[in-house]
């Protein structure tokens, strides 16, 4: 993976844009966004974010979110990275995007028995 530039900064750390080389039957280059978290508290937040993405996808909520390619931890436990396809324009900049029901999202995110 080659990281190219910073595209944002969030609660857990930096968001970088990069290129990921995937070798399967053919070599493919993917444009990716990588969220980096340094330190255990930020790392835990990023791991929780990854679990939420998994729960949303498992519950069939896919509109407006991208499927993470993976969460990777540093061997020493001091850093982790969430790798996702780079989708371009953030949702905040897309006024046409409307979430169907905030109740549905709340029900999914606050299910009493999440299966992580």
PDB file of N, CA and C in Angstrom:
ATOM      1  N   UNK A   1       0.853  -1.165   0.000  1.00  0.00           N
ATOM      2  CA  UNK A   1       0.000   0.000   0.000  1.00  0.00           C
ATOM      3  C   UNK A   1       0.897   1.225   0.000  1.00  0.00           C
ATOM      4  N   UNK A   2       0.490   2.202  -0.776  1.00  0.00           N
ATOM      5  CA  UNK A   2       1.213   3.464  -0.835  1.00  0.00           C
ATOM      6  C   UNK A   2       0.258   4.565  -0.393  1.00  0.00           C
ATOM      7  N   UNK A   3       0.610   5.270   0.689  1.00  0.00           N
ATOM      8  CA  UNK A   3      -0.200   6.380   1.174  1.00  0.00           C
ATOM      9  C   UNK A   3       0.281   7.655   0.492  1.00  0.00           C
ATOM     10  N   UNK A   4      -0.684   8.455  -0.002  1.00  0.00           N
ATOM     11  CA  UNK A   4      -0.336   9.612  -0.820  1.00  0.00           C
ATOM     12  C   UNK A   4      -0.517  10.953  -0.121  1.00  0.00           C
ATOM     13  N   UNK A   5      -1.678  11.166   0.505  1.00  0.00           N
ATOM     14  CA  UNK A   5      -1.942  12.482   1.078  1.00  0.00           C
ATOM     15  C   UNK A   5      -2.981  12.393   2.180  1.00  0.00           C
ATOM     16  N   UNK A   6      -2.962  13.386   3.063  1.00  0.00           N
ATOM     17  CA  UNK A   6      -3.976  13.469   4.109  1.00  0.00           C
ATOM     18  C   UNK A   6      -5.226  14.072   3.498  1.00  0.00           C
ATOM     19  N   UNK A   7      -6.371  13.444   3.738  1.00  0.00           N
ATOM     20  CA  UNK A   7      -7.626  13.972   3.209  1.00  0.00           C
ATOM     21  C   UNK A   7      -8.577  14.423   4.310  1.00  0.00           C
ATOM     22  N   UNK A   8      -8.205  14.175   5.551  1.00  0.00           N
ATOM     23  CA  UNK A   8      -9.070  14.590   6.642  1.00  0.00           C
ATOM     24  C   UNK A   8      -8.483  14.238   7.984  1.00  0.00           C
ATOM     25  N   UNK A   9      -9.178  14.683   9.018  1.00  0.00           N
ATOM     26  CA  UNK A   9      -8.769  14.398  10.382  1.00  0.00           C
ATOM     27  C   UNK A   9     -10.046  14.189  11.183  1.00  0.00           C
ATOM     28  N   UNK A  10     -10.098  13.125  11.951  1.00  0.00           N
ATOM     29  CA  UNK A  10     -11.295  12.817  12.726  1.00  0.00           C
ATOM     30  C   UNK A  10     -10.991  12.596  14.182  1.00  0.00           C
ATOM     31  N   UNK A  11     -11.973  12.091  14.896  1.00  0.00           N
ATOM     32  CA  UNK A  11     -11.838  11.868  16.333  1.00  0.00           C
ATOM     33  C   UNK A  11     -10.781  10.824  16.662  1.00  0.00           C
ATOM     34  N   UNK A  12     -10.590   9.858  15.764  1.00  0.00           N
ATOM     35  CA  UNK A  12      -9.614   8.806  16.040  1.00  0.00           C
ATOM     36  C   UNK A  12      -8.237   9.098  15.463  1.00  0.00           C
ATOM     37  N   UNK A  13      -8.131  10.064  14.576  1.00  0.00           N
ATOM     38  CA  UNK A  13      -6.825  10.389  13.996  1.00  0.00           C
ATOM     39  C   UNK A  13      -6.919  10.862  12.560  1.00  0.00           C
ATOM     40  N   UNK A  14      -5.875  10.603  11.798  1.00  0.00           N
ATOM     41  CA  UNK A  14      -5.787  11.059  10.421  1.00  0.00           C
ATOM     42  C   UNK A  14      -6.517  10.125   9.461  1.00  0.00           C
ATOM     43  N   UNK A  15      -6.962  10.706   8.341  1.00  0.00           N
ATOM     44  CA  UNK A  15      -7.500   9.919   7.239  1.00  0.00           C
ATOM     45  C   UNK A  15      -6.618  10.225   6.032  1.00  0.00           C
ATOM     46  N   UNK A  16      -6.025   9.185   5.483  1.00  0.00           N
ATOM     47  CA  UNK A  16      -5.110   9.337   4.360  1.00  0.00           C
ATOM     48  C   UNK A  16      -5.667   8.653   3.121  1.00  0.00           C
ATOM     49  N   UNK A  17      -5.314   9.197   1.974  1.00  0.00           N
ATOM     50  CA  UNK A  17      -5.692   8.567   0.709  1.00  0.00           C
ATOM     51  C   UNK A  17      -4.486   7.800   0.194  1.00  0.00           C
ATOM     52  N   UNK A  18      -4.750   6.637  -0.388  1.00  0.00           N
ATOM     53  CA  UNK A  18      -3.649   5.832  -0.881  1.00  0.00           C
ATOM     54  C   UNK A  18      -4.073   4.872  -1.972  1.00  0.00           C
ATOM     55  N   UNK A  19      -3.131   4.042  -2.366  1.00  0.00           N
ATOM     56  CA  UNK A  19      -3.374   3.019  -3.377  1.00  0.00           C
ATOM     57  C   UNK A  19      -2.973   1.676  -2.797  1.00  0.00           C
ATOM     58  N   UNK A  20      -3.865   0.720  -2.931  1.00  0.00           N
ATOM     59  CA  UNK A  20      -3.631  -0.625  -2.438  1.00  0.00           C
ATOM     60  C   UNK A  20      -3.503  -1.554  -3.632  1.00  0.00           C
ATOM     61  N   UNK A  21      -2.410  -2.310  -3.663  1.00  0.00           N
ATOM     62  CA  UNK A  21      -2.186  -3.270  -4.738  1.00  0.00           C
ATOM     63  C   UNK A  21      -2.745  -4.617  -4.298  1.00  0.00           C
ATOM     64  N   UNK A  22      -3.741  -5.102  -5.043  1.00  0.00           N
ATOM     65  CA  UNK A  22      -4.374  -6.382  -4.741  1.00  0.00           C
ATOM     66  C   UNK A  22      -3.978  -7.369  -5.829  1.00  0.00           C
ATOM     67  N   UNK A  23      -3.402  -8.461  -5.400  1.00  0.00           N
ATOM     68  CA  UNK A  23      -2.983  -9.475  -6.373  1.00  0.00           C
ATOM     69  C   UNK A  23      -3.866 -10.704  -6.222  1.00  0.00           C
ATOM     70  N   UNK A  24      -4.694 -10.923  -7.217  1.00  0.00           N
ATOM     71  CA  UNK A  24      -5.537 -12.126  -7.269  1.00  0.00           C
ATOM     72  C   UNK A  24      -5.200 -12.803  -8.595  1.00  0.00           C
ATOM     73  N   UNK A  25      -6.196 -13.050  -9.425  1.00  0.00           N
ATOM     74  CA  UNK A  25      -5.903 -13.614 -10.741  1.00  0.00           C
ATOM     75  C   UNK A  25      -5.211 -12.582 -11.624  1.00  0.00           C
ATOM     76  N   UNK A  26      -5.407 -11.308 -11.278  1.00  0.00           N
ATOM     77  CA  UNK A  26      -4.725 -10.202 -11.965  1.00  0.00           C
ATOM     78  C   UNK A  26      -4.371  -9.161 -10.914  1.00  0.00           C
ATOM     79  N   UNK A  27      -3.420  -8.334 -11.215  1.00  0.00           N
ATOM     80  CA  UNK A  27      -3.020  -7.272 -10.291  1.00  0.00           C
ATOM     81  C   UNK A  27      -3.956  -6.075 -10.480  1.00  0.00           C
ATOM     82  N   UNK A  28      -4.572  -5.620  -9.383  1.00  0.00           N
ATOM     83  CA  UNK A  28      -5.511  -4.505  -9.430  1.00  0.00           C
ATOM     84  C   UNK A  28      -5.063  -3.460  -8.418  1.00  0.00           C
ATOM     85  N   UNK A  29      -5.141  -2.191  -8.805  1.00  0.00           N
ATOM     86  CA  UNK A  29      -4.844  -1.095  -7.885  1.00  0.00           C
ATOM     87  C   UNK A  29      -6.159  -0.486  -7.422  1.00  0.00           C
ATOM     88  N   UNK A  30      -6.352  -0.415  -6.109  1.00  0.00           N
ATOM     89  CA  UNK A  30      -7.560   0.178  -5.539  1.00  0.00           C
ATOM     90  C   UNK A  30      -7.235   1.527  -4.920  1.00  0.00           C
ATOM     91  N   UNK A  31      -8.100   2.499  -5.130  1.00  0.00           N
ATOM     92  CA  UNK A  31      -7.994   3.798  -4.490  1.00  0.00           C
ATOM     93  C   UNK A  31      -8.621   3.635  -3.106  1.00  0.00           C
ATOM     94  N   UNK A  32      -7.865   3.886  -2.045  1.00  0.00           N
ATOM     95  CA  UNK A  32      -8.356   3.629  -0.689  1.00  0.00           C
ATOM     96  C   UNK A  32      -8.235   4.850   0.209  1.00  0.00           C
ATOM     97  N   UNK A  33      -9.053   4.846   1.249  1.00  0.00           N
ATOM     98  CA  UNK A  33      -8.954   5.791   2.356  1.00  0.00           C
ATOM     99  C   UNK A  33      -8.523   4.968   3.560  1.00  0.00           C
ATOM    100  N   UNK A  34      -7.537   5.469   4.292  1.00  0.00           N
ATOM    101  CA  UNK A  34      -6.999   4.750   5.443  1.00  0.00           C
ATOM    102  C   UNK A  34      -7.139   5.636   6.676  1.00  0.00           C
ATOM    103  N   UNK A  35      -7.895   5.155   7.659  1.00  0.00           N
ATOM    104  CA  UNK A  35      -8.028   5.865   8.928  1.00  0.00           C
ATOM    105  C   UNK A  35      -6.970   5.313   9.868  1.00  0.00           C
ATOM    106  N   UNK A  36      -6.101   6.187  10.358  1.00  0.00           N
ATOM    107  CA  UNK A  36      -5.032   5.779  11.267  1.00  0.00           C
ATOM    108  C   UNK A  36      -5.338   6.242  12.682  1.00  0.00           C
ATOM    109  N   UNK A  37      -5.149   5.355  13.632  1.00  0.00           N
ATOM    110  CA  UNK A  37      -5.345   5.688  15.038  1.00  0.00           C
ATOM    111  C   UNK A  37      -4.071   5.332  15.800  1.00  0.00           C
ATOM    112  N   UNK A  38      -3.540   6.301  16.525  1.00  0.00           N
ATOM    113  CA  UNK A  38      -2.349   6.077  17.340  1.00  0.00           C
ATOM    114  C   UNK A  38      -2.738   6.112  18.808  1.00  0.00           C
ATOM    115  N   UNK A  39      -2.284   5.134  19.575  1.00  0.00           N
ATOM    116  CA  UNK A  39      -2.603   5.058  20.992  1.00  0.00           C
ATOM    117  C   UNK A  39      -3.773   4.124  21.244  1.00  0.00           C
ATOM    118  N   UNK A  40      -3.820   3.584  22.440  1.00  0.00           N
ATOM    119  CA  UNK A  40      -4.823   2.549  22.740  1.00  0.00           C
ATOM    120  C   UNK A  40      -6.251   3.084  22.750  1.00  0.00           C
ATOM    121  N   UNK A  41      -6.480   4.299  23.276  1.00  0.00           N
ATOM    122  CA  UNK A  41      -7.838   4.837  23.330  1.00  0.00           C
ATOM    123  C   UNK A  41      -8.389   5.090  21.927  1.00  0.00           C
ATOM    124  N   UNK A  42      -7.595   5.718  21.080  1.00  0.00           N
ATOM    125  CA  UNK A  42      -8.026   5.978  19.706  1.00  0.00           C
ATOM    126  C   UNK A  42      -8.161   4.665  18.928  1.00  0.00           C
ATOM    127  N   UNK A  43      -7.262   3.734  19.184  1.00  0.00           N
ATOM    128  CA  UNK A  43      -7.348   2.422  18.542  1.00  0.00           C
ATOM    129  C   UNK A  43      -8.633   1.701  18.910  1.00  0.00           C
ATOM    130  N   UNK A  44      -9.004   1.770  20.192  1.00  0.00           N
ATOM    131  CA  UNK A  44     -10.257   1.147  20.636  1.00  0.00           C
ATOM    132  C   UNK A  44     -11.456   1.790  19.954  1.00  0.00           C
ATOM    133  N   UNK A  45     -11.415   3.117  19.780  1.00  0.00           N
ATOM    134  CA  UNK A  45     -12.507   3.815  19.082  1.00  0.00           C
ATOM    135  C   UNK A  45     -12.604   3.360  17.635  1.00  0.00           C
ATOM    136  N   UNK A  46     -11.466   3.197  16.977  1.00  0.00           N
ATOM    137  CA  UNK A  46     -11.467   2.761  15.588  1.00  0.00           C
ATOM    138  C   UNK A  46     -11.956   1.315  15.464  1.00  0.00           C
ATOM    139  N   UNK A  47     -11.592   0.471  16.416  1.00  0.00           N
ATOM    140  CA  UNK A  47     -12.083  -0.911  16.419  1.00  0.00           C
ATOM    141  C   UNK A  47     -13.609  -0.936  16.593  1.00  0.00           C
ATOM    142  N   UNK A  48     -14.126  -0.059  17.443  1.00  0.00           N
ATOM    143  CA  UNK A  48     -15.573   0.038  17.653  1.00  0.00           C
ATOM    144  C   UNK A  48     -16.259   0.517  16.372  1.00  0.00           C
ATOM    145  N   UNK A  49     -15.644   1.477  15.685  1.00  0.00           N
ATOM    146  CA  UNK A  49     -16.196   1.957  14.416  1.00  0.00           C
ATOM    147  C   UNK A  49     -16.280   0.809  13.411  1.00  0.00           C
ATOM    148  N   UNK A  50     -15.240  -0.006  13.356  1.00  0.00           N
ATOM    149  CA  UNK A  50     -15.223  -1.162  12.451  1.00  0.00           C
ATOM    150  C   UNK A  50     -16.357  -2.133  12.795  1.00  0.00           C
ATOM    151  N   UNK A  51     -16.585  -2.362  14.083  1.00  0.00           N
ATOM    152  CA  UNK A  51     -17.665  -3.251  14.511  1.00  0.00           C
ATOM    153  C   UNK A  51     -19.027  -2.696  14.097  1.00  0.00           C
ATOM    154  N   UNK A  52     -19.169  -1.376  14.152  1.00  0.00           N
ATOM    155  CA  UNK A  52     -20.428  -0.754  13.741  1.00  0.00           C
ATOM    156  C   UNK A  52     -20.645  -0.946  12.244  1.00  0.00           C
ATOM    157  N   UNK A  53     -19.597  -0.767  11.440  1.00  0.00           N
ATOM    158  CA  UNK A  53     -19.705  -1.030  10.004  1.00  0.00           C
ATOM    159  C   UNK A  53     -20.144  -2.474   9.758  1.00  0.00           C
ATOM    160  N   UNK A  54     -19.546  -3.410  10.479  1.00  0.00           N
ATOM    161  CA  UNK A  54     -19.907  -4.821  10.310  1.00  0.00           C
ATOM    162  C   UNK A  54     -21.374  -5.065  10.676  1.00  0.00           C
ATOM    163  N   UNK A  55     -21.821  -4.461  11.778  1.00  0.00           N
ATOM    164  CA  UNK A  55     -23.204  -4.623  12.221  1.00  0.00           C
ATOM    165  C   UNK A  55     -24.182  -4.018  11.214  1.00  0.00           C
ATOM    166  N   UNK A  56     -23.860  -2.838  10.691  1.00  0.00           N
ATOM    167  CA  UNK A  56     -24.727  -2.212   9.698  1.00  0.00           C
ATOM    168  C   UNK A  56     -24.856  -3.085   8.453  1.00  0.00           C
ATOM    169  N   UNK A  57     -23.720  -3.593   7.977  1.00  0.00           N
ATOM    170  CA  UNK A  57     -23.749  -4.432   6.781  1.00  0.00           C
ATOM    171  C   UNK A  57     -24.513  -5.730   7.033  1.00  0.00           C
ATOM    172  N   UNK A  58     -24.298  -6.333   8.199  1.00  0.00           N
ATOM    173  CA  UNK A  58     -24.994  -7.570   8.549  1.00  0.00           C
ATOM    174  C   UNK A  58     -26.503  -7.342   8.623  1.00  0.00           C
ATOM    175  N   UNK A  59     -26.904  -6.120   8.998  1.00  0.00           N
ATOM    176  CA  UNK A  59     -28.319  -5.784   9.115  1.00  0.00           C
ATOM    177  C   UNK A  59     -28.906  -5.282   7.802  1.00  0.00           C
ATOM    178  N   UNK A  60     -28.096  -5.249   6.744  1.00  0.00           N
ATOM    179  CA  UNK A  60     -28.596  -4.855   5.430  1.00  0.00           C
ATOM    180  C   UNK A  60     -28.551  -3.371   5.136  1.00  0.00           C
ATOM    181  N   UNK A  61     -27.922  -2.585   6.006  1.00  0.00           N
ATOM    182  CA  UNK A  61     -27.806  -1.144   5.771  1.00  0.00           C
ATOM    183  C   UNK A  61     -26.537  -0.907   4.967  1.00  0.00           C
ATOM    184  N   UNK A  62     -26.710  -0.566   3.695  1.00  0.00           N
ATOM    185  CA  UNK A  62     -25.550  -0.361   2.829  1.00  0.00           C
ATOM    186  C   UNK A  62     -25.577   0.987   2.119  1.00  0.00           C
ATOM    187  N   UNK A  63     -26.725   1.656   2.080  1.00  0.00           N
ATOM    188  CA  UNK A  63     -26.825   2.938   1.394  1.00  0.00           C
ATOM    189  C   UNK A  63     -25.991   3.994   2.107  1.00  0.00           C
ATOM    190  N   UNK A  64     -25.112   4.627   1.367  1.00  0.00           N
ATOM    191  CA  UNK A  64     -24.338   5.733   1.913  1.00  0.00           C
ATOM    192  C   UNK A  64     -23.113   5.344   2.718  1.00  0.00           C
ATOM    193  N   UNK A  65     -22.850   4.049   2.883  1.00  0.00           N
ATOM    194  CA  UNK A  65     -21.643   3.646   3.591  1.00  0.00           C
ATOM    195  C   UNK A  65     -20.813   2.750   2.682  1.00  0.00           C
ATOM    196  N   UNK A  66     -19.547   2.718   2.942  1.00  0.00           N
ATOM    197  CA  UNK A  66     -18.654   1.867   2.164  1.00  0.00           C
ATOM    198  C   UNK A  66     -18.248   0.673   3.014  1.00  0.00           C
ATOM    199  N   UNK A  67     -18.019  -0.435   2.381  1.00  0.00           N
ATOM    200  CA  UNK A  67     -17.641  -1.650   3.102  1.00  0.00           C
ATOM    201  C   UNK A  67     -16.147  -1.619   3.409  1.00  0.00           C
ATOM    202  N   UNK A  68     -15.766  -1.690   4.674  1.00  0.00           N
ATOM    203  CA  UNK A  68     -14.336  -1.704   5.011  1.00  0.00           C
ATOM    204  C   UNK A  68     -13.634  -2.919   4.403  1.00  0.00           C
ATOM    205  N   UNK A  69     -12.401  -2.722   3.982  1.00  0.00           N
ATOM    206  CA  UNK A  69     -11.600  -3.821   3.458  1.00  0.00           C
ATOM    207  C   UNK A  69     -10.906  -4.571   4.584  1.00  0.00           C
ATOM    208  N   UNK A  70     -10.737  -3.918   5.726  1.00  0.00           N
ATOM    209  CA  UNK A  70     -10.132  -4.590   6.865  1.00  0.00           C
ATOM    210  C   UNK A  70      -9.626  -3.627   7.911  1.00  0.00           C
ATOM    211  N   UNK A  71      -9.424  -4.161   9.107  1.00  0.00           N
ATOM    212  CA  UNK A  71      -8.844  -3.423  10.221  1.00  0.00           C
ATOM    213  C   UNK A  71      -7.531  -4.103  10.559  1.00  0.00           C
ATOM    214  N   UNK A  72      -6.475  -3.335  10.628  1.00  0.00           N
ATOM    215  CA  UNK A  72      -5.144  -3.890  10.822  1.00  0.00           C
ATOM    216  C   UNK A  72      -4.503  -3.268  12.054  1.00  0.00           C
ATOM    217  N   UNK A  73      -4.001  -4.121  12.944  1.00  0.00           N
ATOM    218  CA  UNK A  73      -3.346  -3.667  14.170  1.00  0.00           C
ATOM    219  C   UNK A  73      -1.838  -3.750  14.044  1.00  0.00           C
ATOM    220  N   UNK A  74      -1.163  -2.769  14.625  1.00  0.00           N
ATOM    221  CA  UNK A  74       0.290  -2.779  14.741  1.00  0.00           C
ATOM    222  C   UNK A  74       0.675  -3.904  15.700  1.00  0.00           C
ATOM    223  N   UNK A  75       1.781  -4.563  15.438  1.00  0.00           N
ATOM    224  CA  UNK A  75       2.222  -5.683  16.276  1.00  0.00           C
ATOM    225  C   UNK A  75       2.384  -5.246  17.731  1.00  0.00           C
ATOM    226  N   UNK A  76       2.861  -4.043  17.942  1.00  0.00           N
ATOM    227  CA  UNK A  76       3.069  -3.543  19.299  1.00  0.00           C
ATOM    228  C   UNK A  76       1.805  -3.021  19.963  1.00  0.00           C
ATOM    229  N   UNK A  77       0.711  -2.930  19.216  1.00  0.00           N
ATOM    230  CA  UNK A  77      -0.549  -2.478  19.784  1.00  0.00           C
ATOM    231  C   UNK A  77      -0.686  -0.975  19.917  1.00  0.00           C
ATOM    232  N   UNK A  78       0.243  -0.215  19.355  1.00  0.00           N
ATOM    233  CA  UNK A  78       0.203   1.237  19.493  1.00  0.00           C
ATOM    234  C   UNK A  78      -0.532   1.943  18.363  1.00  0.00           C
ATOM    235  N   UNK A  79      -0.830   1.238  17.289  1.00  0.00           N
ATOM    236  CA  UNK A  79      -1.500   1.853  16.149  1.00  0.00           C
ATOM    237  C   UNK A  79      -2.405   0.842  15.467  1.00  0.00           C
ATOM    238  N   UNK A  80      -3.442   1.350  14.815  1.00  0.00           N
ATOM    239  CA  UNK A  80      -4.260   0.499  13.969  1.00  0.00           C
ATOM    240  C   UNK A  80      -4.768   1.324  12.795  1.00  0.00           C
ATOM    241  N   UNK A  81      -5.157   0.624  11.744  1.00  0.00           N
ATOM    242  CA  UNK A  81      -5.606   1.282  10.522  1.00  0.00           C
ATOM    243  C   UNK A  81      -6.861   0.602  10.000  1.00  0.00           C
ATOM    244  N   UNK A  82      -7.829   1.405   9.630  1.00  0.00           N
ATOM    245  CA  UNK A  82      -9.050   0.922   8.996  1.00  0.00           C
ATOM    246  C   UNK A  82      -8.940   1.295   7.519  1.00  0.00           C
ATOM    247  N   UNK A  83      -8.947   0.282   6.650  1.00  0.00           N
ATOM    248  CA  UNK A  83      -8.769   0.505   5.213  1.00  0.00           C
ATOM    249  C   UNK A  83     -10.120   0.331   4.532  1.00  0.00           C
ATOM    250  N   UNK A  84     -10.498   1.352   3.736  1.00  0.00           N
ATOM    251  CA  UNK A  84     -11.783   1.364   3.050  1.00  0.00           C
ATOM    252  C   UNK A  84     -11.593   1.852   1.620  1.00  0.00           C
ATOM    253  N   UNK A  85     -12.466   1.433   0.709  1.00  0.00           N
ATOM    254  CA  UNK A  85     -12.391   1.999  -0.642  1.00  0.00           C
ATOM    255  C   UNK A  85     -12.633   3.502  -0.564  1.00  0.00           C
ATOM    256  N   UNK A  86     -11.878   4.262  -1.337  1.00  0.00           N
ATOM    257  CA  UNK A  86     -12.076   5.716  -1.380  1.00  0.00           C
ATOM    258  C   UNK A  86     -13.272   5.991  -2.278  1.00  0.00           C
ATOM    259  N   UNK A  87     -14.289   6.621  -1.722  1.00  0.00           N
ATOM    260  CA  UNK A  87     -15.528   6.849  -2.467  1.00  0.00           C
ATOM    261  C   UNK A  87     -15.681   8.277  -2.956  1.00  0.00           C
ATOM    262  N   UNK A  88     -14.735   9.151  -2.649  1.00  0.00           N
ATOM    263  CA  UNK A  88     -14.808  10.524  -3.157  1.00  0.00           C
ATOM    264  C   UNK A  88     -15.465  11.476  -2.188  1.00  0.00           C
ATOM    265  N   UNK A  89     -16.579  12.036  -2.574  1.00  0.00           N
ATOM    266  CA  UNK A  89     -17.256  13.083  -1.825  1.00  0.00           C
ATOM    267  C   UNK A  89     -17.825  12.576  -0.501  1.00  0.00           C
ATOM    268  N   UNK A  90     -17.502  13.244   0.617  1.00  0.00           N
ATOM    269  CA  UNK A  90     -18.083  12.833   1.902  1.00  0.00           C
ATOM    270  C   UNK A  90     -19.596  13.069   1.927  1.00  0.00           C
ATOM    271  N   UNK A  91     -20.303  12.299   2.733  1.00  0.00           N
ATOM    272  CA  UNK A  91     -21.760  12.440   2.824  1.00  0.00           C
ATOM    273  C   UNK A  91     -22.179  13.842   3.238  1.00  0.00           C
ATOM    274  N   UNK A  92     -21.395  14.486   4.105  1.00  0.00           N
ATOM    275  CA  UNK A  92     -21.736  15.825   4.565  1.00  0.00           C
ATOM    276  C   UNK A  92     -21.800  16.817   3.402  1.00  0.00           C
ATOM    277  N   UNK A  93     -21.099  16.537   2.321  1.00  0.00           N
ATOM    278  CA  UNK A  93     -21.093  17.421   1.158  1.00  0.00           C
ATOM    279  C   UNK A  93     -22.139  17.013   0.121  1.00  0.00           C
ATOM    280  N   UNK A  94     -22.961  16.006   0.436  1.00  0.00           N
ATOM    281  CA  UNK A  94     -23.969  15.509  -0.506  1.00  0.00           C
ATOM    282  C   UNK A  94     -25.360  15.723   0.063  1.00  0.00           C
ATOM    283  N   UNK A  95     -25.965  16.889  -0.185  1.00  0.00           N
ATOM    284  CA  UNK A  95     -27.284  17.186   0.404  1.00  0.00           C
ATOM    285  C   UNK A  95     -28.391  16.271  -0.100  1.00  0.00           C
ATOM    286  N   UNK A  96     -28.184  15.595  -1.230  1.00  0.00           N
ATOM    287  CA  UNK A  96     -29.230  14.716  -1.760  1.00  0.00           C
ATOM    288  C   UNK A  96     -29.334  13.404  -1.004  1.00  0.00           C
ATOM    289  N   UNK A  97     -28.334  13.086  -0.171  1.00  0.00           N
ATOM    290  CA  UNK A  97     -28.372  11.830   0.569  1.00  0.00           C
ATOM    291  C   UNK A  97     -29.309  11.976   1.762  1.00  0.00           C
ATOM    292  N   UNK A  98     -30.304  11.100   1.824  1.00  0.00           N
ATOM    293  CA  UNK A  98     -31.268  11.127   2.923  1.00  0.00           C
ATOM    294  C   UNK A  98     -31.322   9.742   3.532  1.00  0.00           C
ATOM    295  N   UNK A  99     -31.122   9.661   4.818  1.00  0.00           N
ATOM    296  CA  UNK A  99     -31.214   8.388   5.528  1.00  0.00           C
ATOM    297  C   UNK A  99     -32.683   8.036   5.674  1.00  0.00           C
ATOM    298  N   UNK A 100     -33.039   6.806   5.404  1.00  0.00           N
ATOM    299  CA  UNK A 100     -34.444   6.417   5.373  1.00  0.00           C
ATOM    300  C   UNK A 100     -35.136   6.593   6.723  1.00  0.00           C
ATOM    301  N   UNK A 101     -34.523   6.166   7.782  1.00  0.00           N
ATOM    302  CA  UNK A 101     -35.187   6.259   9.073  1.00  0.00           C
ATOM    303  C   UNK A 101     -34.156   6.262  10.196  1.00  0.00           C
ATOM    304  N   UNK A 102     -34.160   7.334  10.965  1.00  0.00           N
ATOM    305  CA  UNK A 102     -33.216   7.385  12.085  1.00  0.00           C
ATOM    306  C   UNK A 102     -33.581   6.332  13.127  1.00  0.00           C
ATOM    307  N   UNK A 103     -34.867   5.984  13.210  1.00  0.00           N
ATOM    308  CA  UNK A 103     -35.276   4.937  14.143  1.00  0.00           C
ATOM    309  C   UNK A 103     -34.647   3.604  13.765  1.00  0.00           C
ATOM    310  N   UNK A 104     -34.631   3.283  12.455  1.00  0.00           N
ATOM    311  CA  UNK A 104     -34.039   2.027  12.006  1.00  0.00           C
ATOM    312  C   UNK A 104     -32.567   1.971  12.387  1.00  0.00           C
ATOM    313  N   UNK A 105     -31.846   3.058  12.150  1.00  0.00           N
ATOM    314  CA  UNK A 105     -30.419   3.079  12.479  1.00  0.00           C
ATOM    315  C   UNK A 105     -30.214   2.942  13.982  1.00  0.00           C
ATOM    316  N   UNK A 106     -31.023   3.624  14.771  1.00  0.00           N
ATOM    317  CA  UNK A 106     -30.904   3.515  16.222  1.00  0.00           C
ATOM    318  C   UNK A 106     -31.161   2.094  16.679  1.00  0.00           C
ATOM    319  N   UNK A 107     -32.154   1.462  16.085  1.00  0.00           N
ATOM    320  CA  UNK A 107     -32.477   0.090  16.464  1.00  0.00           C
ATOM    321  C   UNK A 107     -31.323  -0.844  16.137  1.00  0.00           C
ATOM    322  N   UNK A 108     -30.670  -0.606  15.025  1.00  0.00           N
ATOM    323  CA  UNK A 108     -29.550  -1.458  14.640  1.00  0.00           C
ATOM    324  C   UNK A 108     -28.354  -1.210  15.542  1.00  0.00           C
ATOM    325  N   UNK A 109     -28.007   0.063  15.744  1.00  0.00           N
ATOM    326  CA  UNK A 109     -26.806   0.392  16.508  1.00  0.00           C
ATOM    327  C   UNK A 109     -26.938   0.099  17.996  1.00  0.00           C
ATOM    328  N   UNK A 110     -28.157   0.143  18.522  1.00  0.00           N
ATOM    329  CA  UNK A 110     -28.331  -0.042  19.958  1.00  0.00           C
ATOM    330  C   UNK A 110     -29.049  -1.343  20.285  1.00  0.00           C
ATOM    331  N   UNK A 111     -28.940  -2.307  19.398  1.00  0.00           N
ATOM    332  CA  UNK A 111     -29.532  -3.623  19.645  1.00  0.00           C
ATOM    333  C   UNK A 111     -28.947  -4.166  20.945  1.00  0.00           C
ATOM    334  N   UNK A 112     -29.782  -4.680  21.852  1.00  0.00           N
ATOM    335  CA  UNK A 112     -29.266  -5.126  23.153  1.00  0.00           C
ATOM    336  C   UNK A 112     -28.298  -6.290  23.100  1.00  0.00           C
ATOM    337  N   UNK A 113     -28.298  -7.053  22.028  1.00  0.00           N
ATOM    338  CA  UNK A 113     -27.399  -8.200  21.936  1.00  0.00           C
ATOM    339  C   UNK A 113     -26.616  -8.156  20.623  1.00  0.00           C
ATOM    340  N   UNK A 114     -25.725  -7.162  20.478  1.00  0.00           N
ATOM    341  CA  UNK A 114     -24.961  -7.106  19.221  1.00  0.00           C
ATOM    342  C   UNK A 114     -24.079  -8.334  19.059  1.00  0.00           C
ATOM    343  N   UNK A 115     -23.984  -8.806  17.854  1.00  0.00           N
ATOM    344  CA  UNK A 115     -23.179  -9.994  17.552  1.00  0.00           C
ATOM    345  C   UNK A 115     -21.911  -9.578  16.857  1.00  0.00           C
ATOM    346  N   UNK A 116     -20.910  -9.169  17.634  1.00  0.00           N
ATOM    347  CA  UNK A 116     -19.632  -8.744  17.040  1.00  0.00           C
ATOM    348  C   UNK A 116     -18.746  -9.930  16.920  1.00  0.00           C
TER     349      UNK A 116
END
